[in-house]
Protein backbone atom coordinates (compact mmCIF):
# COMPACT_ATOMS: atom_id res chain seq x y z
CA UNK A 1 169.25 29.77 196.81
CA UNK A 2 168.12 27.97 193.72
CA UNK A 3 167.40 24.29 193.91
CA UNK A 4 168.88 21.91 191.30
CA UNK A 5 165.48 21.66 189.62
CA UNK A 6 165.23 25.41 188.98
CA UNK A 7 166.77 26.93 185.89
CA UNK A 8 169.33 29.62 186.73
CA UNK A 9 170.87 31.98 184.23
CA UNK A 10 174.66 31.82 184.10
CA UNK A 11 176.70 34.83 185.24
CA UNK A 12 178.37 36.72 182.44
CA UNK A 13 181.45 38.92 182.20
CA UNK A 14 180.22 42.26 180.84
CA UNK A 15 183.59 43.41 179.54
CA UNK A 16 184.12 40.15 177.67
CA UNK A 17 180.66 40.37 176.14
CA UNK A 18 181.15 44.03 175.20
CA UNK A 19 184.34 43.20 173.32
CA UNK A 20 182.30 40.89 171.05
CA UNK A 21 179.85 43.68 170.10
CA UNK A 22 180.10 46.45 167.56
CA UNK A 23 180.58 50.04 168.86
CA UNK A 24 176.90 51.00 168.55
CA UNK A 25 175.80 47.99 170.60
CA UNK A 26 178.50 48.74 173.16
CA UNK A 27 177.25 52.31 173.46
CA UNK A 28 173.65 51.15 173.93
CA UNK A 29 174.62 48.57 176.56
CA UNK A 30 176.69 51.12 178.49
CA UNK A 31 173.87 53.66 178.32
CA UNK A 32 171.41 51.05 179.59
CA UNK A 33 173.77 50.10 182.41
CA UNK A 34 174.14 53.76 183.35
CA UNK A 35 170.36 54.29 183.43
CA UNK A 36 169.94 51.16 185.52
CA UNK A 37 172.56 52.43 187.98
CA UNK A 38 170.73 55.80 188.22
CA UNK A 39 167.45 53.97 188.81
CA UNK A 40 169.02 51.86 191.57
CA UNK A 41 170.49 54.97 193.23
CA UNK A 42 167.08 56.66 193.12
CA UNK A 43 165.48 53.63 194.79
CA UNK A 44 168.16 53.68 197.50
CA UNK A 45 167.54 57.38 198.10
CA UNK A 46 163.78 56.81 198.40
CA UNK A 47 164.30 53.91 200.83
CA UNK A 48 166.65 56.02 202.95
CA UNK A 49 164.10 58.84 203.07
CA UNK A 50 161.33 56.41 204.01
CA UNK A 51 163.43 54.98 206.85
CA UNK A 52 164.26 58.48 208.10
CA UNK A 53 160.60 59.51 208.01
CA UNK A 54 159.61 56.35 209.88
CA UNK A 55 162.23 56.95 212.56
CA UNK A 56 161.14 60.56 212.99
CA UNK A 57 157.48 59.58 213.27
CA UNK A 58 158.36 56.84 215.75
CA UNK A 59 160.38 59.28 217.85
CA UNK A 60 157.48 61.74 217.79
CA UNK A 61 155.04 59.06 218.94
CA UNK A 62 157.35 57.94 221.75
CA UNK A 63 157.83 61.57 222.81
CA UNK A 64 154.09 62.26 222.91
CA UNK A 65 153.52 59.03 224.86
CA UNK A 66 156.27 59.86 227.38
CA UNK A 67 154.98 63.43 227.79
CA UNK A 68 151.43 62.17 228.35
CA UNK A 69 152.50 59.61 230.95
CA UNK A 70 154.59 62.15 232.87
CA UNK A 71 151.85 64.79 232.79
CA UNK A 72 149.26 62.33 234.10
CA UNK A 73 151.56 61.34 236.97
CA UNK A 74 151.76 65.00 238.02
CA UNK A 75 148.00 65.47 238.25
CA UNK A 76 146.59 65.31 241.77
CA UNK A 77 142.90 66.11 241.23
CA UNK A 78 141.87 62.50 241.97
CA UNK A 79 143.83 62.41 245.23
CA UNK A 80 141.31 64.72 246.96
CA UNK A 81 138.30 62.88 245.59
CA UNK A 82 135.87 61.75 248.26
CA UNK A 83 133.40 58.98 247.64
CA UNK A 84 129.77 60.01 247.93
CA UNK A 85 127.96 58.96 251.10
CA UNK A 86 125.68 55.95 250.73
CA UNK A 87 122.01 56.57 251.49
CA UNK A 88 120.39 54.44 254.12
């Protein structure tokens, strides 16, 4: 939140402000608002795709790790290993 020392712009009512403008200005403001909404939707889509990609990569890493751990537990080649005899 803003502290009392910071300058904060007041909130405005768009419809009230649009009624004070001429039709060309209204059209330009609405077009700008529409483009801004499209830009925001694009950013949301990109963020969603990034999250999905991260989750898929994380799941892949966990799967590879789990597979590796289970495959190592099944190996028995070290169970039959005999230590070499010490020379006297």
